[in-house]
PDB file of N, CA and C in Angstrom:
ATOM      1  N   UNK A   1      13.659   9.730 -23.452  1.00  0.00           N
ATOM      2  CA  UNK A   1      13.648   9.321 -22.076  1.00  0.00           C
ATOM      3  C   UNK A   1      14.757   8.297 -21.866  1.00  0.00           C
ATOM      4  N   UNK A   2      15.395   8.348 -20.740  1.00  0.00           N
ATOM      5  CA  UNK A   2      16.495   7.437 -20.443  1.00  0.00           C
ATOM      6  C   UNK A   2      16.101   6.550 -19.265  1.00  0.00           C
ATOM      7  N   UNK A   3      16.203   5.244 -19.465  1.00  0.00           N
ATOM      8  CA  UNK A   3      15.886   4.293 -18.412  1.00  0.00           C
ATOM      9  C   UNK A   3      17.131   3.492 -18.070  1.00  0.00           C
ATOM     10  N   UNK A   4      17.306   3.144 -16.795  1.00  0.00           N
ATOM     11  CA  UNK A   4      18.461   2.321 -16.439  1.00  0.00           C
ATOM     12  C   UNK A   4      18.317   0.928 -17.034  1.00  0.00           C
ATOM     13  N   UNK A   5      19.450   0.303 -17.345  1.00  0.00           N
ATOM     14  CA  UNK A   5      19.413  -1.041 -17.909  1.00  0.00           C
ATOM     15  C   UNK A   5      18.965  -2.060 -16.873  1.00  0.00           C
ATOM     16  N   UNK A   6      19.318  -1.832 -15.638  1.00  0.00           N
ATOM     17  CA  UNK A   6      18.905  -2.728 -14.566  1.00  0.00           C
ATOM     18  C   UNK A   6      18.327  -1.899 -13.434  1.00  0.00           C
ATOM     19  N   UNK A   7      17.492  -2.541 -12.663  1.00  0.00           N
ATOM     20  CA  UNK A   7      16.901  -1.883 -11.500  1.00  0.00           C
ATOM     21  C   UNK A   7      17.440  -2.586 -10.268  1.00  0.00           C
ATOM     22  N   UNK A   8      18.019  -1.833  -9.385  1.00  0.00           N
ATOM     23  CA  UNK A   8      18.587  -2.375  -8.155  1.00  0.00           C
ATOM     24  C   UNK A   8      17.454  -2.742  -7.196  1.00  0.00           C
ATOM     25  N   UNK A   9      17.490  -3.958  -6.646  1.00  0.00           N
ATOM     26  CA  UNK A   9      16.469  -4.388  -5.700  1.00  0.00           C
ATOM     27  C   UNK A   9      16.389  -3.464  -4.497  1.00  0.00           C
ATOM     28  N   UNK A  10      17.509  -2.872  -4.090  1.00  0.00           N
ATOM     29  CA  UNK A  10      17.503  -1.932  -2.957  1.00  0.00           C
ATOM     30  C   UNK A  10      16.629  -0.735  -3.271  1.00  0.00           C
ATOM     31  N   UNK A  11      16.684  -0.247  -4.523  1.00  0.00           N
ATOM     32  CA  UNK A  11      15.866   0.897  -4.912  1.00  0.00           C
ATOM     33  C   UNK A  11      14.383   0.548  -4.885  1.00  0.00           C
ATOM     34  N   UNK A  12      14.059  -0.648  -5.371  1.00  0.00           N
ATOM     35  CA  UNK A  12      12.670  -1.096  -5.361  1.00  0.00           C
ATOM     36  C   UNK A  12      12.189  -1.243  -3.925  1.00  0.00           C
ATOM     37  N   UNK A  13      12.981  -1.893  -3.082  1.00  0.00           N
ATOM     38  CA  UNK A  13      12.604  -2.078  -1.684  1.00  0.00           C
ATOM     39  C   UNK A  13      12.426  -0.741  -0.975  1.00  0.00           C
ATOM     40  N   UNK A  14      13.304   0.202  -1.214  1.00  0.00           N
ATOM     41  CA  UNK A  14      13.204   1.515  -0.578  1.00  0.00           C
ATOM     42  C   UNK A  14      11.933   2.226  -1.009  1.00  0.00           C
ATOM     43  N   UNK A  15      11.597   2.119  -2.288  1.00  0.00           N
ATOM     44  CA  UNK A  15      10.376   2.749  -2.796  1.00  0.00           C
ATOM     45  C   UNK A  15       9.144   2.085  -2.182  1.00  0.00           C
ATOM     46  N   UNK A  16       9.126   0.753  -2.144  1.00  0.00           N
ATOM     47  CA  UNK A  16       8.007   0.035  -1.549  1.00  0.00           C
ATOM     48  C   UNK A  16       7.875   0.361  -0.066  1.00  0.00           C
ATOM     49  N   UNK A  17       8.998   0.458   0.640  1.00  0.00           N
ATOM     50  CA  UNK A  17       8.965   0.798   2.062  1.00  0.00           C
ATOM     51  C   UNK A  17       8.408   2.205   2.275  1.00  0.00           C
ATOM     52  N   UNK A  18       8.772   3.136   1.416  1.00  0.00           N
ATOM     53  CA  UNK A  18       8.269   4.507   1.530  1.00  0.00           C
ATOM     54  C   UNK A  18       6.758   4.533   1.329  1.00  0.00           C
ATOM     55  N   UNK A  19       6.265   3.808   0.324  1.00  0.00           N
ATOM     56  CA  UNK A  19       4.816   3.743   0.087  1.00  0.00           C
ATOM     57  C   UNK A  19       4.137   3.063   1.265  1.00  0.00           C
ATOM     58  N   UNK A  20       4.722   1.991   1.764  1.00  0.00           N
ATOM     59  CA  UNK A  20       4.169   1.265   2.907  1.00  0.00           C
ATOM     60  C   UNK A  20       4.009   2.189   4.111  1.00  0.00           C
ATOM     61  N   UNK A  21       5.049   2.938   4.433  1.00  0.00           N
ATOM     62  CA  UNK A  21       4.993   3.836   5.588  1.00  0.00           C
ATOM     63  C   UNK A  21       3.951   4.931   5.396  1.00  0.00           C
ATOM     64  N   UNK A  22       3.854   5.468   4.181  1.00  0.00           N
ATOM     65  CA  UNK A  22       2.827   6.474   3.892  1.00  0.00           C
ATOM     66  C   UNK A  22       1.434   5.871   4.023  1.00  0.00           C
ATOM     67  N   UNK A  23       1.268   4.631   3.564  1.00  0.00           N
ATOM     68  CA  UNK A  23      -0.027   3.954   3.653  1.00  0.00           C
ATOM     69  C   UNK A  23      -0.432   3.735   5.108  1.00  0.00           C
ATOM     70  N   UNK A  24       0.508   3.306   5.934  1.00  0.00           N
ATOM     71  CA  UNK A  24       0.211   3.110   7.360  1.00  0.00           C
ATOM     72  C   UNK A  24      -0.245   4.429   7.982  1.00  0.00           C
ATOM     73  N   UNK A  25       0.395   5.513   7.642  1.00  0.00           N
ATOM     74  CA  UNK A  25       0.011   6.821   8.185  1.00  0.00           C
ATOM     75  C   UNK A  25      -1.397   7.214   7.728  1.00  0.00           C
ATOM     76  N   UNK A  26      -1.714   6.987   6.467  1.00  0.00           N
ATOM     77  CA  UNK A  26      -3.057   7.295   5.957  1.00  0.00           C
ATOM     78  C   UNK A  26      -4.101   6.461   6.692  1.00  0.00           C
ATOM     79  N   UNK A  27      -3.806   5.179   6.887  1.00  0.00           N
ATOM     80  CA  UNK A  27      -4.750   4.301   7.582  1.00  0.00           C
ATOM     81  C   UNK A  27      -4.966   4.774   9.016  1.00  0.00           C
ATOM     82  N   UNK A  28      -3.894   5.151   9.683  1.00  0.00           N
ATOM     83  CA  UNK A  28      -4.022   5.653  11.066  1.00  0.00           C
ATOM     84  C   UNK A  28      -4.859   6.932  11.120  1.00  0.00           C
ATOM     85  N   UNK A  29      -4.619   7.835  10.184  1.00  0.00           N
ATOM     86  CA  UNK A  29      -5.323   9.128  10.198  1.00  0.00           C
ATOM     87  C   UNK A  29      -6.789   9.002   9.821  1.00  0.00           C
ATOM     88  N   UNK A  30      -7.087   8.161   8.825  1.00  0.00           N
ATOM     89  CA  UNK A  30      -8.450   8.095   8.303  1.00  0.00           C
ATOM     90  C   UNK A  30      -9.280   6.964   8.885  1.00  0.00           C
ATOM     91  N   UNK A  31      -8.614   5.930   9.407  1.00  0.00           N
ATOM     92  CA  UNK A  31      -9.345   4.777   9.909  1.00  0.00           C
ATOM     93  C   UNK A  31      -9.995   3.964   8.805  1.00  0.00           C
ATOM     94  N   UNK A  32      -9.521   4.140   7.579  1.00  0.00           N
ATOM     95  CA  UNK A  32     -10.072   3.430   6.423  1.00  0.00           C
ATOM     96  C   UNK A  32      -8.941   2.781   5.654  1.00  0.00           C
ATOM     97  N   UNK A  33      -9.264   1.626   5.038  1.00  0.00           N
ATOM     98  CA  UNK A  33      -8.278   0.989   4.161  1.00  0.00           C
ATOM     99  C   UNK A  33      -9.003   0.224   3.067  1.00  0.00           C
ATOM    100  N   UNK A  34      -8.692   0.568   1.853  1.00  0.00           N
ATOM    101  CA  UNK A  34      -9.120  -0.171   0.663  1.00  0.00           C
ATOM    102  C   UNK A  34      -8.158   0.232  -0.441  1.00  0.00           C
ATOM    103  N   UNK A  35      -8.129  -0.562  -1.483  1.00  0.00           N
ATOM    104  CA  UNK A  35      -7.228  -0.246  -2.587  1.00  0.00           C
ATOM    105  C   UNK A  35      -7.568   1.115  -3.169  1.00  0.00           C
ATOM    106  N   UNK A  36      -8.855   1.364  -3.422  1.00  0.00           N
ATOM    107  CA  UNK A  36      -9.233   2.640  -4.036  1.00  0.00           C
ATOM    108  C   UNK A  36      -8.928   3.825  -3.123  1.00  0.00           C
ATOM    109  N   UNK A  37      -9.095   3.640  -1.819  1.00  0.00           N
ATOM    110  CA  UNK A  37      -8.790   4.727  -0.875  1.00  0.00           C
ATOM    111  C   UNK A  37      -7.302   5.070  -0.915  1.00  0.00           C
ATOM    112  N   UNK A  38      -6.442   4.050  -0.886  1.00  0.00           N
ATOM    113  CA  UNK A  38      -5.004   4.309  -0.947  1.00  0.00           C
ATOM    114  C   UNK A  38      -4.600   4.897  -2.296  1.00  0.00           C
ATOM    115  N   UNK A  39      -5.241   4.441  -3.362  1.00  0.00           N
ATOM    116  CA  UNK A  39      -4.946   5.017  -4.678  1.00  0.00           C
ATOM    117  C   UNK A  39      -5.202   6.518  -4.670  1.00  0.00           C
ATOM    118  N   UNK A  40      -6.331   6.917  -4.130  1.00  0.00           N
ATOM    119  CA  UNK A  40      -6.681   8.347  -4.098  1.00  0.00           C
ATOM    120  C   UNK A  40      -5.789   9.128  -3.132  1.00  0.00           C
ATOM    121  N   UNK A  41      -5.571   8.604  -1.955  1.00  0.00           N
ATOM    122  CA  UNK A  41      -4.825   9.337  -0.935  1.00  0.00           C
ATOM    123  C   UNK A  41      -3.336   9.445  -1.249  1.00  0.00           C
ATOM    124  N   UNK A  42      -2.771   8.402  -1.851  1.00  0.00           N
ATOM    125  CA  UNK A  42      -1.335   8.385  -2.104  1.00  0.00           C
ATOM    126  C   UNK A  42      -0.978   8.666  -3.552  1.00  0.00           C
ATOM    127  N   UNK A  43      -1.965   8.662  -4.429  1.00  0.00           N
ATOM    128  CA  UNK A  43      -1.696   8.897  -5.840  1.00  0.00           C
ATOM    129  C   UNK A  43      -0.774   7.859  -6.446  1.00  0.00           C
ATOM    130  N   UNK A  44      -0.994   6.579  -6.087  1.00  0.00           N
ATOM    131  CA  UNK A  44      -0.050   5.547  -6.511  1.00  0.00           C
ATOM    132  C   UNK A  44      -0.614   4.572  -7.532  1.00  0.00           C
ATOM    133  N   UNK A  45      -1.851   4.720  -7.946  1.00  0.00           N
ATOM    134  CA  UNK A  45      -2.397   3.846  -8.981  1.00  0.00           C
ATOM    135  C   UNK A  45      -2.414   2.382  -8.569  1.00  0.00           C
ATOM    136  N   UNK A  46      -2.051   1.532  -9.537  1.00  0.00           N
ATOM    137  CA  UNK A  46      -2.145   0.086  -9.312  1.00  0.00           C
ATOM    138  C   UNK A  46      -1.233  -0.412  -8.198  1.00  0.00           C
ATOM    139  N   UNK A  47      -0.213   0.344  -7.828  1.00  0.00           N
ATOM    140  CA  UNK A  47       0.694  -0.070  -6.753  1.00  0.00           C
ATOM    141  C   UNK A  47      -0.042  -0.210  -5.421  1.00  0.00           C
ATOM    142  N   UNK A  48      -1.218   0.355  -5.320  1.00  0.00           N
ATOM    143  CA  UNK A  48      -1.995   0.246  -4.087  1.00  0.00           C
ATOM    144  C   UNK A  48      -2.333  -1.213  -3.784  1.00  0.00           C
ATOM    145  N   UNK A  49      -2.599  -2.005  -4.799  1.00  0.00           N
ATOM    146  CA  UNK A  49      -2.922  -3.421  -4.578  1.00  0.00           C
ATOM    147  C   UNK A  49      -1.728  -4.149  -3.964  1.00  0.00           C
ATOM    148  N   UNK A  50      -0.541  -3.880  -4.475  1.00  0.00           N
ATOM    149  CA  UNK A  50       0.657  -4.500  -3.907  1.00  0.00           C
ATOM    150  C   UNK A  50       0.882  -4.029  -2.473  1.00  0.00           C
ATOM    151  N   UNK A  51       0.593  -2.767  -2.213  1.00  0.00           N
ATOM    152  CA  UNK A  51       0.756  -2.217  -0.864  1.00  0.00           C
ATOM    153  C   UNK A  51      -0.223  -2.869   0.098  1.00  0.00           C
ATOM    154  N   UNK A  52      -1.463  -3.077  -0.339  1.00  0.00           N
ATOM    155  CA  UNK A  52      -2.455  -3.754   0.497  1.00  0.00           C
ATOM    156  C   UNK A  52      -1.987  -5.175   0.812  1.00  0.00           C
ATOM    157  N   UNK A  53      -1.445  -5.869  -0.183  1.00  0.00           N
ATOM    158  CA  UNK A  53      -0.929  -7.227   0.053  1.00  0.00           C
ATOM    159  C   UNK A  53       0.176  -7.202   1.108  1.00  0.00           C
ATOM    160  N   UNK A  54       1.061  -6.223   1.028  1.00  0.00           N
ATOM    161  CA  UNK A  54       2.152  -6.097   1.997  1.00  0.00           C
ATOM    162  C   UNK A  54       1.606  -5.762   3.384  1.00  0.00           C
ATOM    163  N   UNK A  55       0.637  -4.854   3.461  1.00  0.00           N
ATOM    164  CA  UNK A  55       0.024  -4.501   4.743  1.00  0.00           C
ATOM    165  C   UNK A  55      -0.635  -5.724   5.377  1.00  0.00           C
ATOM    166  N   UNK A  56      -1.285  -6.532   4.561  1.00  0.00           N
ATOM    167  CA  UNK A  56      -1.923  -7.739   5.073  1.00  0.00           C
ATOM    168  C   UNK A  56      -0.875  -8.750   5.540  1.00  0.00           C
ATOM    169  N   UNK A  57       0.180  -8.924   4.750  1.00  0.00           N
ATOM    170  CA  UNK A  57       1.238  -9.878   5.116  1.00  0.00           C
ATOM    171  C   UNK A  57       1.935  -9.482   6.413  1.00  0.00           C
ATOM    172  N   UNK A  58       2.026  -8.181   6.674  1.00  0.00           N
ATOM    173  CA  UNK A  58       2.695  -7.705   7.892  1.00  0.00           C
ATOM    174  C   UNK A  58       1.730  -7.542   9.069  1.00  0.00           C
ATOM    175  N   UNK A  59       0.467  -7.940   8.884  1.00  0.00           N
ATOM    176  CA  UNK A  59      -0.493  -7.921   9.976  1.00  0.00           C
ATOM    177  C   UNK A  59      -1.068  -6.567  10.311  1.00  0.00           C
ATOM    178  N   UNK A  60      -0.944  -5.605   9.417  1.00  0.00           N
ATOM    179  CA  UNK A  60      -1.494  -4.266   9.662  1.00  0.00           C
ATOM    180  C   UNK A  60      -2.991  -4.253   9.394  1.00  0.00           C
ATOM    181  N   UNK A  61      -3.422  -4.980   8.355  1.00  0.00           N
ATOM    182  CA  UNK A  61      -4.834  -5.076   8.002  1.00  0.00           C
ATOM    183  C   UNK A  61      -5.192  -6.533   7.779  1.00  0.00           C
ATOM    184  N   UNK A  62      -6.485  -6.815   7.839  1.00  0.00           N
ATOM    185  CA  UNK A  62      -6.965  -8.160   7.580  1.00  0.00           C
ATOM    186  C   UNK A  62      -7.350  -8.325   6.125  1.00  0.00           C
ATOM    187  N   UNK A  63      -7.825  -9.506   5.779  1.00  0.00           N
ATOM    188  CA  UNK A  63      -8.248  -9.751   4.400  1.00  0.00           C
ATOM    189  C   UNK A  63      -9.549  -9.006   4.088  1.00  0.00           C
ATOM    190  N   UNK A  64      -9.804  -8.823   2.807  1.00  0.00           N
ATOM    191  CA  UNK A  64     -11.039  -8.190   2.373  1.00  0.00           C
ATOM    192  C   UNK A  64     -12.186  -9.104   2.755  1.00  0.00           C
ATOM    193  N   UNK A  65     -13.222  -8.561   3.369  1.00  0.00           N
ATOM    194  CA  UNK A  65     -14.315  -9.395   3.860  1.00  0.00           C
ATOM    195  C   UNK A  65     -15.584  -9.303   3.032  1.00  0.00           C
ATOM    196  N   UNK A  66     -15.686  -8.267   2.192  1.00  0.00           N
ATOM    197  CA  UNK A  66     -16.883  -8.129   1.362  1.00  0.00           C
ATOM    198  C   UNK A  66     -16.549  -7.357   0.093  1.00  0.00           C
ATOM    199  N   UNK A  67     -17.559  -7.093  -0.716  1.00  0.00           N
ATOM    200  CA  UNK A  67     -17.342  -6.435  -2.006  1.00  0.00           C
ATOM    201  C   UNK A  67     -16.948  -4.968  -1.885  1.00  0.00           C
ATOM    202  N   UNK A  68     -17.078  -4.377  -0.700  1.00  0.00           N
ATOM    203  CA  UNK A  68     -16.740  -2.956  -0.529  1.00  0.00           C
ATOM    204  C   UNK A  68     -15.241  -2.715  -0.566  1.00  0.00           C
ATOM    205  N   UNK A  69     -14.463  -3.759  -0.342  1.00  0.00           N
ATOM    206  CA  UNK A  69     -13.013  -3.620  -0.324  1.00  0.00           C
ATOM    207  C   UNK A  69     -12.462  -3.213   1.033  1.00  0.00           C
ATOM    208  N   UNK A  70     -13.332  -2.993   2.007  1.00  0.00           N
ATOM    209  CA  UNK A  70     -12.874  -2.632   3.344  1.00  0.00           C
ATOM    210  C   UNK A  70     -12.258  -3.828   4.043  1.00  0.00           C
ATOM    211  N   UNK A  71     -11.361  -3.540   4.963  1.00  0.00           N
ATOM    212  CA  UNK A  71     -10.651  -4.574   5.710  1.00  0.00           C
ATOM    213  C   UNK A  71     -10.550  -4.154   7.176  1.00  0.00           C
ATOM    214  N   UNK A  72     -10.382  -5.140   8.046  1.00  0.00           N
ATOM    215  CA  UNK A  72     -10.134  -4.840   9.454  1.00  0.00           C
ATOM    216  C   UNK A  72      -8.769  -4.203   9.585  1.00  0.00           C
ATOM    217  N   UNK A  73      -8.651  -3.229  10.489  1.00  0.00           N
ATOM    218  CA  UNK A  73      -7.396  -2.530  10.735  1.00  0.00           C
ATOM    219  C   UNK A  73      -6.896  -2.939  12.110  1.00  0.00           C
ATOM    220  N   UNK A  74      -5.623  -3.351  12.178  1.00  0.00           N
ATOM    221  CA  UNK A  74      -5.058  -3.851  13.431  1.00  0.00           C
ATOM    222  C   UNK A  74      -4.027  -2.929  14.055  1.00  0.00           C
ATOM    223  N   UNK A  75      -3.953  -1.687  13.614  1.00  0.00           N
ATOM    224  CA  UNK A  75      -2.993  -0.756  14.205  1.00  0.00           C
ATOM    225  C   UNK A  75      -3.717   0.359  14.907  1.00  0.00           C
TER     226      UNK A  75
END
């Protein structure tokens, strides 16, 4: 397997933006948001937690309010 010696921040940002946009679409379609839901719907594994943090920081969803992992949706 061949890996690049360095990772360009633009590539990381573009990938994160693509996941973010897909996550927003899933939330709009399903009306649900949790880490496990995004993991299943997007097939992104642990990256779902980072995506949830980004969605919260951008005001798309609220903080987790209980043990279910559900959050308020603002879109």
